[in-house]
Amino acid sequence: MLWLLEELEVPYQIKRYQSEASMLAPHRQMIEQQLASQPWFAGKRFSIADIQMSFSLLAMQSRGGLTDMSSTAAWLATLQQRAIEQGGGVVPAS
């Protein structure tokens, strides 16, 4: 996305894009640390917190935003496997 903004020479959007990415960095780090330390968002058991977080993280995954978030990617894989085992479907990542 950034390359397109640079190619079009749209300075406000370039600055905004870079700013938003830097604002998200602490949140991405918090999510990754949380899932590195426990299997689910609210602790040892699957909860509504995991369902709520799944929407945003599936969207992030579909845009290639989990490349440096191995615990989060593993959590999503576990969540999708859980859905399959319980007879639900899986939302494709792309």
C-alpha atoms as a PDB file:
ATOM      1  CA  MET A   1       0.000   0.000   0.000  1.00  0.00           C
ATOM      2  CA  LEU A   2       2.744   2.424   0.949  1.00  0.00           C
ATOM      3  CA  TRP A   3       4.515   1.978  -2.388  1.00  0.00           C
ATOM      4  CA  LEU A   4       1.335   3.020  -4.211  1.00  0.00           C
ATOM      5  CA  LEU A   5       0.967   6.161  -2.114  1.00  0.00           C
ATOM      6  CA  GLU A   6       4.597   7.031  -2.768  1.00  0.00           C
ATOM      7  CA  GLU A   7       4.163   6.396  -6.489  1.00  0.00           C
ATOM      8  CA  LEU A   8       1.134   8.686  -6.570  1.00  0.00           C
ATOM      9  CA  GLU A   9       3.030  11.244  -4.486  1.00  0.00           C
ATOM     10  CA  VAL A  10       0.221  11.697  -1.977  1.00  0.00           C
ATOM     11  CA  PRO A  11       2.107  13.099   1.057  1.00  0.00           C
ATOM     12  CA  TYR A  12      -0.799  13.312   3.538  1.00  0.00           C
ATOM     13  CA  GLN A  13      -1.842   9.714   2.964  1.00  0.00           C
ATOM     14  CA  ILE A  14       1.775   8.510   3.167  1.00  0.00           C
ATOM     15  CA  LYS A  15       2.230  10.249   6.502  1.00  0.00           C
ATOM     16  CA  ARG A  16      -1.108   8.933   7.781  1.00  0.00           C
ATOM     17  CA  TYR A  17      -0.325   5.374   6.670  1.00  0.00           C
ATOM     18  CA  GLN A  18       3.056   5.441   8.428  1.00  0.00           C
ATOM     19  CA  SER A  19       1.507   7.011  11.530  1.00  0.00           C
ATOM     20  CA  GLU A  20      -1.247   4.405  11.785  1.00  0.00           C
ATOM     21  CA  ALA A  21       1.237   1.559  11.419  1.00  0.00           C
ATOM     22  CA  SER A  22       3.365   2.931  14.246  1.00  0.00           C
ATOM     23  CA  MET A  23       0.283   3.422  16.443  1.00  0.00           C
ATOM     24  CA  LEU A  24      -0.683  -0.226  15.992  1.00  0.00           C
ATOM     25  CA  ALA A  25       2.753  -1.585  16.898  1.00  0.00           C
ATOM     26  CA  PRO A  26       2.254  -1.534  20.713  1.00  0.00           C
ATOM     27  CA  HIS A  27      -1.117  -3.260  20.359  1.00  0.00           C
ATOM     28  CA  ARG A  28       0.334  -5.945  18.102  1.00  0.00           C
ATOM     29  CA  GLN A  29       3.118  -6.500  20.634  1.00  0.00           C
ATOM     30  CA  MET A  30       0.627  -6.776  23.513  1.00  0.00           C
ATOM     31  CA  ILE A  31      -1.455  -9.337  21.604  1.00  0.00           C
ATOM     32  CA  GLU A  32       1.626 -11.389  20.747  1.00  0.00           C
ATOM     33  CA  GLN A  33       2.898 -11.346  24.353  1.00  0.00           C
ATOM     34  CA  GLN A  34      -0.525 -12.336  25.688  1.00  0.00           C
ATOM     35  CA  LEU A  35      -0.786 -15.345  23.394  1.00  0.00           C
ATOM     36  CA  ALA A  36       2.832 -16.344  23.971  1.00  0.00           C
ATOM     37  CA  SER A  37       2.142 -16.629  27.700  1.00  0.00           C
ATOM     38  CA  GLN A  38      -1.224 -18.433  27.648  1.00  0.00           C
ATOM     39  CA  PRO A  39      -3.314 -20.426  25.177  1.00  0.00           C
ATOM     40  CA  TRP A  40      -6.349 -18.111  25.066  1.00  0.00           C
ATOM     41  CA  PHE A  41      -6.918 -14.392  25.535  1.00  0.00           C
ATOM     42  CA  ALA A  42      -8.596 -14.718  28.928  1.00  0.00           C
ATOM     43  CA  GLY A  43      -6.409 -17.494  30.289  1.00  0.00           C
ATOM     44  CA  LYS A  44      -6.484 -21.271  30.098  1.00  0.00           C
ATOM     45  CA  ARG A  45      -9.979 -21.628  28.631  1.00  0.00           C
ATOM     46  CA  PHE A  46     -11.582 -20.534  25.394  1.00  0.00           C
ATOM     47  CA  SER A  47     -13.946 -17.599  25.966  1.00  0.00           C
ATOM     48  CA  ILE A  48     -15.951 -14.858  24.314  1.00  0.00           C
ATOM     49  CA  ALA A  49     -12.751 -12.771  24.347  1.00  0.00           C
ATOM     50  CA  ASP A  50     -11.270 -15.160  21.802  1.00  0.00           C
ATOM     51  CA  ILE A  51     -14.313 -14.903  19.576  1.00  0.00           C
ATOM     52  CA  GLN A  52     -14.215 -11.109  19.715  1.00  0.00           C
ATOM     53  CA  MET A  53     -10.484 -10.915  18.922  1.00  0.00           C
ATOM     54  CA  SER A  54     -10.779 -13.424  16.076  1.00  0.00           C
ATOM     55  CA  PHE A  55     -12.484 -10.965  13.717  1.00  0.00           C
ATOM     56  CA  SER A  56      -9.724  -8.360  13.857  1.00  0.00           C
ATOM     57  CA  LEU A  57      -6.936 -10.904  13.762  1.00  0.00           C
ATOM     58  CA  LEU A  58      -8.413 -12.778  10.800  1.00  0.00           C
ATOM     59  CA  ALA A  59      -8.596  -9.454   8.960  1.00  0.00           C
ATOM     60  CA  MET A  60      -4.991  -8.713   9.917  1.00  0.00           C
ATOM     61  CA  GLN A  61      -3.922 -12.176   8.764  1.00  0.00           C
ATOM     62  CA  SER A  62      -5.655 -11.760   5.404  1.00  0.00           C
ATOM     63  CA  ARG A  63      -3.617  -8.606   4.839  1.00  0.00           C
ATOM     64  CA  GLY A  64      -0.321 -10.297   5.701  1.00  0.00           C
ATOM     65  CA  GLY A  65      -0.069  -8.595   9.088  1.00  0.00           C
ATOM     66  CA  LEU A  66       0.908 -11.638  11.146  1.00  0.00           C
ATOM     67  CA  THR A  67       4.273 -12.365   9.557  1.00  0.00           C
ATOM     68  CA  ASP A  68       6.158 -11.450  12.746  1.00  0.00           C
ATOM     69  CA  MET A  69       3.496 -12.722  15.175  1.00  0.00           C
ATOM     70  CA  SER A  70       4.085 -16.470  15.494  1.00  0.00           C
ATOM     71  CA  SER A  71       2.066 -16.945  18.705  1.00  0.00           C
ATOM     72  CA  THR A  72      -0.881 -15.094  17.217  1.00  0.00           C
ATOM     73  CA  ALA A  73      -0.721 -17.104  14.005  1.00  0.00           C
ATOM     74  CA  ALA A  74      -0.613 -20.324  16.053  1.00  0.00           C
ATOM     75  CA  TRP A  75      -3.613 -19.128  18.096  1.00  0.00           C
ATOM     76  CA  LEU A  76      -5.590 -18.520  14.886  1.00  0.00           C
ATOM     77  CA  ALA A  77      -4.693 -21.991  13.598  1.00  0.00           C
ATOM     78  CA  THR A  78      -5.877 -23.503  16.901  1.00  0.00           C
ATOM     79  CA  LEU A  79      -9.067 -21.466  16.755  1.00  0.00           C
ATOM     80  CA  GLN A  80      -9.781 -22.618  13.201  1.00  0.00           C
ATOM     81  CA  GLN A  81      -9.060 -26.244  14.113  1.00  0.00           C
ATOM     82  CA  ARG A  82     -11.450 -25.918  17.050  1.00  0.00           C
ATOM     83  CA  ALA A  83     -14.169 -24.661  14.703  1.00  0.00           C
ATOM     84  CA  ILE A  84     -13.615 -27.604  12.344  1.00  0.00           C
ATOM     85  CA  GLU A  85     -13.759 -30.141  15.183  1.00  0.00           C
ATOM     86  CA  GLN A  86     -17.025 -28.664  16.399  1.00  0.00           C
ATOM     87  CA  GLY A  87     -18.584 -28.827  12.949  1.00  0.00           C
ATOM     88  CA  GLY A  88     -18.231 -25.160  12.063  1.00  0.00           C
ATOM     89  CA  GLY A  89     -16.649 -23.658   9.032  1.00  0.00           C
ATOM     90  CA  VAL A  90     -13.416 -21.798   8.639  1.00  0.00           C
ATOM     91  CA  VAL A  91     -13.179 -18.298   7.245  1.00  0.00           C
ATOM     92  CA  PRO A  92     -10.423 -18.343   4.634  1.00  0.00           C
ATOM     93  CA  ALA A  93      -7.447 -16.093   5.348  1.00  0.00           C
ATOM     94  CA  SER A  94      -7.437 -14.627   1.856  1.00  0.00           C
END
